Amino acid sequence: MCPELPKPALRCVAIFASLLLIADSGAARAAGDIKAGREKALMCQACHGIDGMSKVPEAPNIAGQPEPYLAAQLQAFKSGARRNDAMSVVVQTLSEKDIDDLAAYFSAIEVKVIKLPGQ
């Protein structure tokens, strides 16, 4: 029998398992087309910017996020599993290919840390 883990450790295990599931669910999907994703990303620029860096406080930075993660989040908005007023409207117009292309484009953006605080 396994020893009982403290609650913080259980949360870490659950989060790690969830991330593995998200990554695995995207692994079976065909990689999107970066060029097509850039064209489609024009509809995202008001909130997320064409560079994937948030232009409004409510929108997250999505540049450089893993492609399977981005695709999974767009799918979650489309299915209603994840809710946001703006995203719930926008994502309904996206096809599976659009989702793959957008995920490919935003994940391909290179993000560099120039300076860390305190340096």
PDB file of N, CA and C in Angstrom:
ATOM      1  N   MET A   1       0.837  -1.180   0.000  1.00  0.00           N
ATOM      2  CA  MET A   1       0.000   0.000   0.000  1.00  0.00           C
ATOM      3  C   MET A   1       0.888   1.251   0.000  1.00  0.00           C
ATOM      4  N   CYS A   2       0.478   2.242  -0.747  1.00  0.00           N
ATOM      5  CA  CYS A   2       1.248   3.491  -0.848  1.00  0.00           C
ATOM      6  C   CYS A   2       0.983   4.372   0.361  1.00  0.00           C
ATOM      7  N   PRO A   3       2.009   5.091   0.819  1.00  0.00           N
ATOM      8  CA  PRO A   3       1.781   6.033   1.926  1.00  0.00           C
ATOM      9  C   PRO A   3       0.904   7.186   1.450  1.00  0.00           C
ATOM     10  N   GLU A   4       0.156   7.753   2.367  1.00  0.00           N
ATOM     11  CA  GLU A   4      -0.730   8.866   2.036  1.00  0.00           C
ATOM     12  C   GLU A   4       0.101  10.131   1.837  1.00  0.00           C
ATOM     13  N   LEU A   5      -0.163  10.836   0.742  1.00  0.00           N
ATOM     14  CA  LEU A   5       0.553  12.065   0.438  1.00  0.00           C
ATOM     15  C   LEU A   5      -0.152  13.259   1.075  1.00  0.00           C
ATOM     16  N   PRO A   6       0.609  14.279   1.483  1.00  0.00           N
ATOM     17  CA  PRO A   6      -0.035  15.496   1.998  1.00  0.00           C
ATOM     18  C   PRO A   6      -0.815  16.182   0.871  1.00  0.00           C
ATOM     19  N   LYS A   7      -1.822  16.968   1.250  1.00  0.00           N
ATOM     20  CA  LYS A   7      -2.695  17.614   0.260  1.00  0.00           C
ATOM     21  C   LYS A   7      -1.946  18.436  -0.783  1.00  0.00           C
ATOM     22  N   PRO A   8      -0.929  19.247  -0.438  1.00  0.00           N
ATOM     23  CA  PRO A   8      -0.214  19.994  -1.481  1.00  0.00           C
ATOM     24  C   PRO A   8       0.444  19.070  -2.507  1.00  0.00           C
ATOM     25  N   ALA A   9       0.973  17.943  -2.048  1.00  0.00           N
ATOM     26  CA  ALA A   9       1.595  16.997  -2.979  1.00  0.00           C
ATOM     27  C   ALA A   9       0.551  16.389  -3.897  1.00  0.00           C
ATOM     28  N   LEU A  10      -0.629  16.087  -3.351  1.00  0.00           N
ATOM     29  CA  LEU A  10      -1.709  15.542  -4.173  1.00  0.00           C
ATOM     30  C   LEU A  10      -2.145  16.543  -5.234  1.00  0.00           C
ATOM     31  N   ARG A  11      -2.202  17.811  -4.875  1.00  0.00           N
ATOM     32  CA  ARG A  11      -2.565  18.844  -5.844  1.00  0.00           C
ATOM     33  C   ARG A  11      -1.528  18.921  -6.962  1.00  0.00           C
ATOM     34  N   CYS A  12      -0.258  18.848  -6.602  1.00  0.00           N
ATOM     35  CA  CYS A  12       0.805  18.876  -7.608  1.00  0.00           C
ATOM     36  C   CYS A  12       0.693  17.686  -8.551  1.00  0.00           C
ATOM     37  N   VAL A  13       0.419  16.513  -7.997  1.00  0.00           N
ATOM     38  CA  VAL A  13       0.266  15.323  -8.824  1.00  0.00           C
ATOM     39  C   VAL A  13      -0.926  15.485  -9.759  1.00  0.00           C
ATOM     40  N   ALA A  14      -2.032  16.014  -9.244  1.00  0.00           N
ATOM     41  CA  ALA A  14      -3.231  16.209 -10.070  1.00  0.00           C
ATOM     42  C   ALA A  14      -2.977  17.209 -11.185  1.00  0.00           C
ATOM     43  N   ILE A  15      -2.291  18.297 -10.882  1.00  0.00           N
ATOM     44  CA  ILE A  15      -1.980  19.309 -11.897  1.00  0.00           C
ATOM     45  C   ILE A  15      -1.063  18.716 -12.961  1.00  0.00           C
ATOM     46  N   PHE A  16      -0.050  17.986 -12.528  1.00  0.00           N
ATOM     47  CA  PHE A  16       0.878  17.370 -13.471  1.00  0.00           C
ATOM     48  C   PHE A  16       0.147  16.380 -14.371  1.00  0.00           C
ATOM     49  N   ALA A  17      -0.733  15.576 -13.797  1.00  0.00           N
ATOM     50  CA  ALA A  17      -1.499  14.607 -14.590  1.00  0.00           C
ATOM     51  C   ALA A  17      -2.395  15.326 -15.593  1.00  0.00           C
ATOM     52  N   SER A  18      -3.000  16.431 -15.191  1.00  0.00           N
ATOM     53  CA  SER A  18      -3.851  17.206 -16.101  1.00  0.00           C
ATOM     54  C   SER A  18      -3.046  17.756 -17.260  1.00  0.00           C
ATOM     55  N   LEU A  19      -1.857  18.274 -16.968  1.00  0.00           N
ATOM     56  CA  LEU A  19      -1.009  18.806 -18.028  1.00  0.00           C
ATOM     57  C   LEU A  19      -0.583  17.711 -19.001  1.00  0.00           C
ATOM     58  N   LEU A  20      -0.298  16.524 -18.476  1.00  0.00           N
ATOM     59  CA  LEU A  20       0.051  15.405 -19.349  1.00  0.00           C
ATOM     60  C   LEU A  20      -1.116  15.040 -20.261  1.00  0.00           C
ATOM     61  N   LEU A  21      -2.329  15.056 -19.714  1.00  0.00           N
ATOM     62  CA  LEU A  21      -3.505  14.744 -20.526  1.00  0.00           C
ATOM     63  C   LEU A  21      -3.708  15.780 -21.621  1.00  0.00           C
ATOM     64  N   ILE A  22      -3.523  17.054 -21.285  1.00  0.00           N
ATOM     65  CA  ILE A  22      -3.669  18.113 -22.279  1.00  0.00           C
ATOM     66  C   ILE A  22      -2.617  17.940 -23.375  1.00  0.00           C
ATOM     67  N   ALA A  23      -1.385  17.714 -22.982  1.00  0.00           N
ATOM     68  CA  ALA A  23      -0.316  17.548 -23.966  1.00  0.00           C
ATOM     69  C   ALA A  23      -0.564  16.316 -24.828  1.00  0.00           C
ATOM     70  N   ASP A  24      -1.006  15.227 -24.216  1.00  0.00           N
ATOM     71  CA  ASP A  24      -1.248  13.989 -24.957  1.00  0.00           C
ATOM     72  C   ASP A  24      -2.425  14.144 -25.906  1.00  0.00           C
ATOM     73  N   SER A  25      -3.473  14.863 -25.481  1.00  0.00           N
ATOM     74  CA  SER A  25      -4.643  15.027 -26.348  1.00  0.00           C
ATOM     75  C   SER A  25      -4.297  15.823 -27.594  1.00  0.00           C
ATOM     76  N   GLY A  26      -3.336  16.730 -27.485  1.00  0.00           N
ATOM     77  CA  GLY A  26      -2.931  17.519 -28.640  1.00  0.00           C
ATOM     78  C   GLY A  26      -1.917  16.804 -29.512  1.00  0.00           C
ATOM     79  N   ALA A  27      -1.245  15.801 -28.946  1.00  0.00           N
ATOM     80  CA  ALA A  27      -0.195  15.119 -29.695  1.00  0.00           C
ATOM     81  C   ALA A  27      -0.759  14.366 -30.894  1.00  0.00           C
ATOM     82  N   ALA A  28      -1.987  13.882 -30.790  1.00  0.00           N
ATOM     83  CA  ALA A  28      -2.590  13.123 -31.881  1.00  0.00           C
ATOM     84  C   ALA A  28      -3.090  14.039 -32.989  1.00  0.00           C
ATOM     85  N   ARG A  29      -3.245  15.299 -32.695  1.00  0.00           N
ATOM     86  CA  ARG A  29      -3.741  16.249 -33.689  1.00  0.00           C
ATOM     87  C   ARG A  29      -2.636  16.606 -34.662  1.00  0.00           C
ATOM     88  N   ALA A  30      -3.048  16.883 -35.878  1.00  0.00           N
ATOM     89  CA  ALA A  30      -2.078  17.334 -36.878  1.00  0.00           C
ATOM     90  C   ALA A  30      -1.611  18.728 -36.500  1.00  0.00           C
ATOM     91  N   ALA A  31      -0.338  18.998 -36.738  1.00  0.00           N
ATOM     92  CA  ALA A  31       0.197  20.326 -36.466  1.00  0.00           C
ATOM     93  C   ALA A  31      -0.462  21.323 -37.404  1.00  0.00           C
ATOM     94  N   GLY A  32      -0.733  22.496 -36.882  1.00  0.00           N
ATOM     95  CA  GLY A  32      -1.378  23.527 -37.687  1.00  0.00           C
ATOM     96  C   GLY A  32      -0.405  24.222 -38.620  1.00  0.00           C
ATOM     97  N   ASP A  33      -0.955  25.036 -39.488  1.00  0.00           N
ATOM     98  CA  ASP A  33      -0.206  25.808 -40.473  1.00  0.00           C
ATOM     99  C   ASP A  33       0.061  27.195 -39.883  1.00  0.00           C
ATOM    100  N   ILE A  34       1.331  27.500 -39.635  1.00  0.00           N
ATOM    101  CA  ILE A  34       1.700  28.768 -38.993  1.00  0.00           C
ATOM    102  C   ILE A  34       1.282  29.969 -39.833  1.00  0.00           C
ATOM    103  N   LYS A  35       1.506  29.904 -41.139  1.00  0.00           N
ATOM    104  CA  LYS A  35       1.165  31.038 -42.015  1.00  0.00           C
ATOM    105  C   LYS A  35      -0.345  31.289 -42.008  1.00  0.00           C
ATOM    106  N   ALA A  36      -1.139  30.233 -42.109  1.00  0.00           N
ATOM    107  CA  ALA A  36      -2.597  30.383 -42.068  1.00  0.00           C
ATOM    108  C   ALA A  36      -3.026  30.900 -40.697  1.00  0.00           C
ATOM    109  N   GLY A  37      -2.340  30.446 -39.648  1.00  0.00           N
ATOM    110  CA  GLY A  37      -2.648  30.914 -38.300  1.00  0.00           C
ATOM    111  C   GLY A  37      -2.388  32.396 -38.133  1.00  0.00           C
ATOM    112  N   ARG A  38      -1.315  32.891 -38.752  1.00  0.00           N
ATOM    113  CA  ARG A  38      -1.018  34.333 -38.666  1.00  0.00           C
ATOM    114  C   ARG A  38      -2.134  35.147 -39.308  1.00  0.00           C
ATOM    115  N   GLU A  39      -2.621  34.689 -40.441  1.00  0.00           N
ATOM    116  CA  GLU A  39      -3.724  35.397 -41.105  1.00  0.00           C
ATOM    117  C   GLU A  39      -4.981  35.378 -40.233  1.00  0.00           C
ATOM    118  N   LYS A  40      -5.272  34.236 -39.635  1.00  0.00           N
ATOM    119  CA  LYS A  40      -6.455  34.104 -38.781  1.00  0.00           C
ATOM    120  C   LYS A  40      -6.285  34.908 -37.489  1.00  0.00           C
ATOM    121  N   ALA A  41      -5.033  35.082 -37.045  1.00  0.00           N
ATOM    122  CA  ALA A  41      -4.748  35.777 -35.787  1.00  0.00           C
ATOM    123  C   ALA A  41      -5.110  37.257 -35.830  1.00  0.00           C
ATOM    124  N   LEU A  42      -5.366  37.793 -37.013  1.00  0.00           N
ATOM    125  CA  LEU A  42      -5.760  39.202 -37.095  1.00  0.00           C
ATOM    126  C   LEU A  42      -7.011  39.466 -36.264  1.00  0.00           C
ATOM    127  N   MET A  43      -7.878  38.455 -36.153  1.00  0.00           N
ATOM    128  CA  MET A  43      -9.093  38.623 -35.351  1.00  0.00           C
ATOM    129  C   MET A  43      -8.794  38.595 -33.844  1.00  0.00           C
ATOM    130  N   CYS A  44      -7.592  38.184 -33.471  1.00  0.00           N
ATOM    131  CA  CYS A  44      -7.198  38.071 -32.065  1.00  0.00           C
ATOM    132  C   CYS A  44      -6.439  39.295 -31.565  1.00  0.00           C
ATOM    133  N   GLN A  45      -6.003  40.146 -32.503  1.00  0.00           N
ATOM    134  CA  GLN A  45      -5.050  41.193 -32.152  1.00  0.00           C
ATOM    135  C   GLN A  45      -5.579  42.254 -31.193  1.00  0.00           C
ATOM    136  N   ALA A  46      -6.864  42.521 -31.160  1.00  0.00           N
ATOM    137  CA  ALA A  46      -7.373  43.554 -30.257  1.00  0.00           C
ATOM    138  C   ALA A  46      -7.130  43.197 -28.793  1.00  0.00           C
ATOM    139  N   CYS A  47      -7.219  41.914 -28.471  1.00  0.00           N
ATOM    140  CA  CYS A  47      -7.029  41.485 -27.081  1.00  0.00           C
ATOM    141  C   CYS A  47      -5.656  40.863 -26.835  1.00  0.00           C
ATOM    142  N   HIS A  48      -5.259  39.931 -27.698  1.00  0.00           N
ATOM    143  CA  HIS A  48      -4.018  39.185 -27.491  1.00  0.00           C
ATOM    144  C   HIS A  48      -2.844  39.744 -28.279  1.00  0.00           C
ATOM    145  N   GLY A  49      -3.108  40.664 -29.204  1.00  0.00           N
ATOM    146  CA  GLY A  49      -2.053  41.212 -30.041  1.00  0.00           C
ATOM    147  C   GLY A  49      -1.627  40.217 -31.101  1.00  0.00           C
ATOM    148  N   ILE A  50      -1.172  40.683 -32.217  1.00  0.00           N
ATOM    149  CA  ILE A  50      -0.689  39.808 -33.279  1.00  0.00           C
ATOM    150  C   ILE A  50       0.586  39.104 -32.814  1.00  0.00           C
ATOM    151  N   ASP A  51       1.231  39.675 -31.781  1.00  0.00           N
ATOM    152  CA  ASP A  51       2.442  39.079 -31.219  1.00  0.00           C
ATOM    153  C   ASP A  51       2.157  38.157 -30.042  1.00  0.00           C
ATOM    154  N   GLY A  52       0.872  37.975 -29.706  1.00  0.00           N
ATOM    155  CA  GLY A  52       0.501  37.092 -28.605  1.00  0.00           C
ATOM    156  C   GLY A  52       0.686  37.689 -27.229  1.00  0.00           C
ATOM    157  N   MET A  53       1.031  38.978 -27.180  1.00  0.00           N
ATOM    158  CA  MET A  53       1.219  39.653 -25.902  1.00  0.00           C
ATOM    159  C   MET A  53      -0.010  40.515 -25.620  1.00  0.00           C
ATOM    160  N   SER A  54      -0.627  40.270 -24.484  1.00  0.00           N
ATOM    161  CA  SER A  54      -1.897  40.883 -24.114  1.00  0.00           C
ATOM    162  C   SER A  54      -1.934  42.391 -24.313  1.00  0.00           C
ATOM    163  N   LYS A  55      -3.045  42.844 -24.864  1.00  0.00           N
ATOM    164  CA  LYS A  55      -3.254  44.279 -25.064  1.00  0.00           C
ATOM    165  C   LYS A  55      -4.285  44.836 -24.086  1.00  0.00           C
ATOM    166  N   VAL A  56      -4.973  43.954 -23.375  1.00  0.00           N
ATOM    167  CA  VAL A  56      -5.961  44.348 -22.372  1.00  0.00           C
ATOM    168  C   VAL A  56      -5.736  43.514 -21.108  1.00  0.00           C
ATOM    169  N   PRO A  57      -6.058  44.066 -19.943  1.00  0.00           N
ATOM    170  CA  PRO A  57      -5.787  43.343 -18.691  1.00  0.00           C
ATOM    171  C   PRO A  57      -6.481  41.978 -18.581  1.00  0.00           C
ATOM    172  N   GLU A  58      -7.628  41.824 -19.216  1.00  0.00           N
ATOM    173  CA  GLU A  58      -8.395  40.584 -19.090  1.00  0.00           C
ATOM    174  C   GLU A  58      -7.856  39.442 -19.950  1.00  0.00           C
ATOM    175  N   ALA A  59      -7.013  39.745 -20.931  1.00  0.00           N
ATOM    176  CA  ALA A  59      -6.524  38.729 -21.865  1.00  0.00           C
ATOM    177  C   ALA A  59      -5.123  38.256 -21.455  1.00  0.00           C
ATOM    178  N   PRO A  60      -4.902  36.954 -21.484  1.00  0.00           N
ATOM    179  CA  PRO A  60      -3.570  36.459 -21.136  1.00  0.00           C
ATOM    180  C   PRO A  60      -2.587  36.576 -22.295  1.00  0.00           C
ATOM    181  N   ASN A  61      -1.304  36.569 -21.973  1.00  0.00           N
ATOM    182  CA  ASN A  61      -0.269  36.445 -22.992  1.00  0.00           C
ATOM    183  C   ASN A  61      -0.299  35.000 -23.477  1.00  0.00           C
ATOM    184  N   ILE A  62      -0.353  34.803 -24.781  1.00  0.00           N
ATOM    185  CA  ILE A  62      -0.409  33.442 -25.312  1.00  0.00           C
ATOM    186  C   ILE A  62       0.782  33.107 -26.203  1.00  0.00           C
ATOM    187  N   ALA A  63       1.645  34.063 -26.446  1.00  0.00           N
ATOM    188  CA  ALA A  63       2.836  33.817 -27.269  1.00  0.00           C
ATOM    189  C   ALA A  63       3.707  32.748 -26.635  1.00  0.00           C
ATOM    190  N   GLY A  64       4.136  31.800 -27.456  1.00  0.00           N
ATOM    191  CA  GLY A  64       5.069  30.784 -26.990  1.00  0.00           C
ATOM    192  C   GLY A  64       4.479  29.679 -26.139  1.00  0.00           C
ATOM    193  N   GLN A  65       3.174  29.718 -25.891  1.00  0.00           N
ATOM    194  CA  GLN A  65       2.548  28.626 -25.138  1.00  0.00           C
ATOM    195  C   GLN A  65       2.576  27.354 -25.985  1.00  0.00           C
ATOM    196  N   PRO A  66       2.608  26.180 -25.373  1.00  0.00           N
ATOM    197  CA  PRO A  66       2.635  24.938 -26.149  1.00  0.00           C
ATOM    198  C   PRO A  66       1.412  24.797 -27.059  1.00  0.00           C
ATOM    199  N   GLU A  67       1.662  24.352 -28.273  1.00  0.00           N
ATOM    200  CA  GLU A  67       0.587  24.205 -29.261  1.00  0.00           C
ATOM    201  C   GLU A  67      -0.574  23.340 -28.758  1.00  0.00           C
ATOM    202  N   PRO A  68      -0.318  22.176 -28.147  1.00  0.00           N
ATOM    203  CA  PRO A  68      -1.442  21.362 -27.659  1.00  0.00           C
ATOM    204  C   PRO A  68      -2.260  22.078 -26.585  1.00  0.00           C
ATOM    205  N   TYR A  69      -1.589  22.857 -25.740  1.00  0.00           N
ATOM    206  CA  TYR A  69      -2.287  23.609 -24.695  1.00  0.00           C
ATOM    207  C   TYR A  69      -3.216  24.650 -25.317  1.00  0.00           C
ATOM    208  N   LEU A  70      -2.700  25.416 -26.277  1.00  0.00           N
ATOM    209  CA  LEU A  70      -3.517  26.445 -26.920  1.00  0.00           C
ATOM    210  C   LEU A  70      -4.717  25.826 -27.636  1.00  0.00           C
ATOM    211  N   ALA A  71      -4.491  24.750 -28.356  1.00  0.00           N
ATOM    212  CA  ALA A  71      -5.589  24.082 -29.060  1.00  0.00           C
ATOM    213  C   ALA A  71      -6.625  23.569 -28.061  1.00  0.00           C
ATOM    214  N   ALA A  72      -6.165  22.989 -26.962  1.00  0.00           N
ATOM    215  CA  ALA A  72      -7.088  22.476 -25.945  1.00  0.00           C
ATOM    216  C   ALA A  72      -7.921  23.593 -25.330  1.00  0.00           C
ATOM    217  N   GLN A  73      -7.303  24.752 -25.103  1.00  0.00           N
ATOM    218  CA  GLN A  73      -8.052  25.869 -24.513  1.00  0.00           C
ATOM    219  C   GLN A  73      -9.102  26.400 -25.489  1.00  0.00           C
ATOM    220  N   LEU A  74      -8.739  26.510 -26.764  1.00  0.00           N
ATOM    221  CA  LEU A  74      -9.712  26.959 -27.766  1.00  0.00           C
ATOM    222  C   LEU A  74     -10.867  25.958 -27.873  1.00  0.00           C
ATOM    223  N   GLN A  75     -10.550  24.673 -27.825  1.00  0.00           N
ATOM    224  CA  GLN A  75     -11.593  23.649 -27.855  1.00  0.00           C
ATOM    225  C   GLN A  75     -12.492  23.764 -26.627  1.00  0.00           C
ATOM    226  N   ALA A  76     -11.905  24.036 -25.481  1.00  0.00           N
ATOM    227  CA  ALA A  76     -12.684  24.176 -24.244  1.00  0.00           C
ATOM    228  C   ALA A  76     -13.632  25.371 -24.325  1.00  0.00           C
ATOM    229  N   PHE A  77     -13.171  26.477 -24.896  1.00  0.00           N
ATOM    230  CA  PHE A  77     -14.062  27.627 -25.090  1.00  0.00           C
ATOM    231  C   PHE A  77     -15.190  27.271 -26.052  1.00  0.00           C
ATOM    232  N   LYS A  78     -14.839  26.563 -27.122  1.00  0.00           N
ATOM    233  CA  LYS A  78     -15.830  26.216 -28.136  1.00  0.00           C
ATOM    234  C   LYS A  78     -16.889  25.261 -27.584  1.00  0.00           C
ATOM    235  N   SER A  79     -16.479  24.311 -26.758  1.00  0.00           N
ATOM    236  CA  SER A  79     -17.424  23.337 -26.195  1.00  0.00           C
ATOM    237  C   SER A  79     -18.221  23.906 -25.032  1.00  0.00           C
ATOM    238  N   GLY A  80     -17.755  25.008 -24.457  1.00  0.00           N
ATOM    239  CA  GLY A  80     -18.419  25.586 -23.298  1.00  0.00           C
ATOM    240  C   GLY A  80     -17.843  25.099 -21.976  1.00  0.00           C
ATOM    241  N   ALA A  81     -16.833  24.214 -22.036  1.00  0.00           N
ATOM    242  CA  ALA A  81     -16.193  23.733 -20.819  1.00  0.00           C
ATOM    243  C   ALA A  81     -15.436  24.861 -20.119  1.00  0.00           C
ATOM    244  N   ARG A  82     -14.972  25.818 -20.894  1.00  0.00           N
ATOM    245  CA  ARG A  82     -14.322  27.018 -20.357  1.00  0.00           C
ATOM    246  C   ARG A  82     -15.125  28.203 -20.861  1.00  0.00           C
ATOM    247  N   ARG A  83     -15.357  29.177 -19.990  1.00  0.00           N
ATOM    248  CA  ARG A  83     -16.223  30.295 -20.363  1.00  0.00           C
ATOM    249  C   ARG A  83     -15.522  31.647 -20.236  1.00  0.00           C
ATOM    250  N   ASN A  84     -15.790  32.470 -21.230  1.00  0.00           N
ATOM    251  CA  ASN A  84     -15.367  33.862 -21.246  1.00  0.00           C
ATOM    252  C   ASN A  84     -16.260  34.523 -22.283  1.00  0.00           C
ATOM    253  N   ASP A  85     -16.884  35.646 -21.938  1.00  0.00           N
ATOM    254  CA  ASP A  85     -17.848  36.270 -22.844  1.00  0.00           C
ATOM    255  C   ASP A  85     -17.281  36.518 -24.236  1.00  0.00           C
ATOM    256  N   ALA A  86     -16.115  37.125 -24.320  1.00  0.00           N
ATOM    257  CA  ALA A  86     -15.536  37.446 -25.630  1.00  0.00           C
ATOM    258  C   ALA A  86     -15.113  36.182 -26.368  1.00  0.00           C
ATOM    259  N   MET A  87     -14.386  35.306 -25.695  1.00  0.00           N
ATOM    260  CA  MET A  87     -13.887  34.100 -26.348  1.00  0.00           C
ATOM    261  C   MET A  87     -15.016  33.169 -26.769  1.00  0.00           C
ATOM    262  N   SER A  88     -16.060  33.083 -25.973  1.00  0.00           N
ATOM    263  CA  SER A  88     -17.169  32.196 -26.304  1.00  0.00           C
ATOM    264  C   SER A  88     -17.846  32.603 -27.609  1.00  0.00           C
ATOM    265  N   VAL A  89     -17.841  33.891 -27.924  1.00  0.00           N
ATOM    266  CA  VAL A  89     -18.414  34.371 -29.179  1.00  0.00           C
ATOM    267  C   VAL A  89     -17.436  34.141 -30.329  1.00  0.00           C
ATOM    268  N   VAL A  90     -16.195  34.550 -30.148  1.00  0.00           N
ATOM    269  CA  VAL A  90     -15.187  34.485 -31.209  1.00  0.00           C
ATOM    270  C   VAL A  90     -14.917  33.044 -31.646  1.00  0.00           C
ATOM    271  N   VAL A  91     -14.779  32.143 -30.701  1.00  0.00           N
ATOM    272  CA  VAL A  91     -14.366  30.776 -31.011  1.00  0.00           C
ATOM    273  C   VAL A  91     -15.436  29.995 -31.788  1.00  0.00           C
ATOM    274  N   GLN A  92     -16.670  30.417 -31.721  1.00  0.00           N
ATOM    275  CA  GLN A  92     -17.728  29.700 -32.443  1.00  0.00           C
ATOM    276  C   GLN A  92     -17.543  29.764 -33.954  1.00  0.00           C
ATOM    277  N   THR A  93     -16.828  30.768 -34.435  1.00  0.00           N
ATOM    278  CA  THR A  93     -16.597  30.894 -35.878  1.00  0.00           C
ATOM    279  C   THR A  93     -15.398  30.072 -36.350  1.00  0.00           C
ATOM    280  N   LEU A  94     -14.663  29.468 -35.424  1.00  0.00           N
ATOM    281  CA  LEU A  94     -13.433  28.754 -35.775  1.00  0.00           C
ATOM    282  C   LEU A  94     -13.703  27.288 -36.129  1.00  0.00           C
ATOM    283  N   SER A  95     -13.093  26.843 -37.210  1.00  0.00           N
ATOM    284  CA  SER A  95     -13.141  25.422 -37.570  1.00  0.00           C
ATOM    285  C   SER A  95     -12.028  24.699 -36.815  1.00  0.00           C
ATOM    286  N   GLU A  96     -12.001  23.371 -36.897  1.00  0.00           N
ATOM    287  CA  GLU A  96     -10.926  22.590 -36.288  1.00  0.00           C
ATOM    288  C   GLU A  96      -9.573  23.018 -36.867  1.00  0.00           C
ATOM    289  N   LYS A  97      -9.537  23.240 -38.181  1.00  0.00           N
ATOM    290  CA  LYS A  97      -8.307  23.662 -38.845  1.00  0.00           C
ATOM    291  C   LYS A  97      -7.878  25.043 -38.356  1.00  0.00           C
ATOM    292  N   ASP A  98      -8.843  25.963 -38.204  1.00  0.00           N
ATOM    293  CA  ASP A  98      -8.529  27.294 -37.685  1.00  0.00           C
ATOM    294  C   ASP A  98      -7.888  27.189 -36.299  1.00  0.00           C
ATOM    295  N   ILE A  99      -8.462  26.342 -35.455  1.00  0.00           N
ATOM    296  CA  ILE A  99      -7.934  26.161 -34.094  1.00  0.00           C
ATOM    297  C   ILE A  99      -6.499  25.633 -34.148  1.00  0.00           C
ATOM    298  N   ASP A 100      -6.264  24.627 -34.981  1.00  0.00           N
ATOM    299  CA  ASP A 100      -4.913  24.071 -35.122  1.00  0.00           C
ATOM    300  C   ASP A 100      -3.943  25.116 -35.661  1.00  0.00           C
ATOM    301  N   ASP A 101      -4.398  25.905 -36.644  1.00  0.00           N
ATOM    302  CA  ASP A 101      -3.538  26.934 -37.244  1.00  0.00           C
ATOM    303  C   ASP A 101      -3.209  28.033 -36.248  1.00  0.00           C
ATOM    304  N   LEU A 102      -4.196  28.489 -35.488  1.00  0.00           N
ATOM    305  CA  LEU A 102      -3.955  29.526 -34.482  1.00  0.00           C
ATOM    306  C   LEU A 102      -3.010  29.023 -33.401  1.00  0.00           C
ATOM    307  N   ALA A 103      -3.224  27.795 -32.954  1.00  0.00           N
ATOM    308  CA  ALA A 103      -2.349  27.214 -31.933  1.00  0.00           C
ATOM    309  C   ALA A 103      -0.921  27.115 -32.453  1.00  0.00           C
ATOM    310  N   ALA A 104      -0.766  26.707 -33.711  1.00  0.00           N
ATOM    311  CA  ALA A 104       0.575  26.600 -34.310  1.00  0.00           C
ATOM    312  C   ALA A 104       1.235  27.976 -34.386  1.00  0.00           C
ATOM    313  N   TYR A 105       0.488  28.975 -34.815  1.00  0.00           N
ATOM    314  CA  TYR A 105       1.048  30.319 -34.970  1.00  0.00           C
ATOM    315  C   TYR A 105       1.500  30.894 -33.620  1.00  0.00           C
ATOM    316  N   PHE A 106       0.588  30.932 -32.651  1.00  0.00           N
ATOM    317  CA  PHE A 106       0.931  31.551 -31.376  1.00  0.00           C
ATOM    318  C   PHE A 106       2.015  30.765 -30.636  1.00  0.00           C
ATOM    319  N   SER A 107       2.043  29.445 -30.783  1.00  0.00           N
ATOM    320  CA  SER A 107       3.083  28.661 -30.113  1.00  0.00           C
ATOM    321  C   SER A 107       4.445  28.872 -30.772  1.00  0.00           C
ATOM    322  N   ALA A 108       4.466  29.247 -32.041  1.00  0.00           N
ATOM    323  CA  ALA A 108       5.730  29.444 -32.757  1.00  0.00           C
ATOM    324  C   ALA A 108       6.381  30.792 -32.453  1.00  0.00           C
ATOM    325  N   ILE A 109       5.665  31.679 -31.779  1.00  0.00           N
ATOM    326  CA  ILE A 109       6.243  32.977 -31.434  1.00  0.00           C
ATOM    327  C   ILE A 109       7.294  32.765 -30.351  1.00  0.00           C
ATOM    328  N   GLU A 110       8.489  33.267 -30.603  1.00  0.00           N
ATOM    329  CA  GLU A 110       9.585  33.119 -29.660  1.00  0.00           C
ATOM    330  C   GLU A 110       9.500  34.202 -28.595  1.00  0.00           C
ATOM    331  N   VAL A 111       9.544  33.792 -27.352  1.00  0.00           N
ATOM    332  CA  VAL A 111       9.504  34.722 -26.236  1.00  0.00           C
ATOM    333  C   VAL A 111      10.862  34.666 -25.540  1.00  0.00           C
ATOM    334  N   LYS A 112      11.480  35.835 -25.377  1.00  0.00           N
ATOM    335  CA  LYS A 112      12.788  35.896 -24.728  1.00  0.00           C
ATOM    336  C   LYS A 112      12.704  36.750 -23.474  1.00  0.00           C
ATOM    337  N   VAL A 113      13.335  36.274 -22.432  1.00  0.00           N
ATOM    338  CA  VAL A 113      13.442  37.048 -21.194  1.00  0.00           C
ATOM    339  C   VAL A 113      14.721  37.852 -21.309  1.00  0.00           C
ATOM    340  N   ILE A 114      14.575  39.162 -21.294  1.00  0.00           N
ATOM    341  CA  ILE A 114      15.734  40.047 -21.447  1.00  0.00           C
ATOM    342  C   ILE A 114      16.389  40.327 -20.098  1.00  0.00           C
ATOM    343  N   LYS A 115      15.571  40.586 -19.106  1.00  0.00           N
ATOM    344  CA  LYS A 115      16.113  40.906 -17.787  1.00  0.00           C
ATOM    345  C   LYS A 115      15.146  40.410 -16.726  1.00  0.00           C
ATOM    346  N   LEU A 116      15.680  39.748 -15.736  1.00  0.00           N
ATOM    347  CA  LEU A 116      14.879  39.306 -14.617  1.00  0.00           C
ATOM    348  C   LEU A 116      14.926  40.383 -13.534  1.00  0.00           C
ATOM    349  N   PRO A 117      13.835  40.559 -12.784  1.00  0.00           N
ATOM    350  CA  PRO A 117      13.838  41.566 -11.722  1.00  0.00           C
ATOM    351  C   PRO A 117      14.967  41.290 -10.730  1.00  0.00           C
ATOM    352  N   GLY A 118      15.583  42.337 -10.258  1.00  0.00           N
ATOM    353  CA  GLY A 118      16.644  42.207  -9.272  1.00  0.00           C
ATOM    354  C   GLY A 118      18.039  41.977  -9.854  1.00  0.00           C
ATOM    355  N   GLN A 119      18.129  41.990 -11.178  1.00  0.00           N
ATOM    356  CA  GLN A 119      19.449  41.793 -11.793  1.00  0.00           C
ATOM    357  C   GLN A 119      20.023  43.112 -12.232  1.00  0.00           C
TER     358      GLN A 119
END
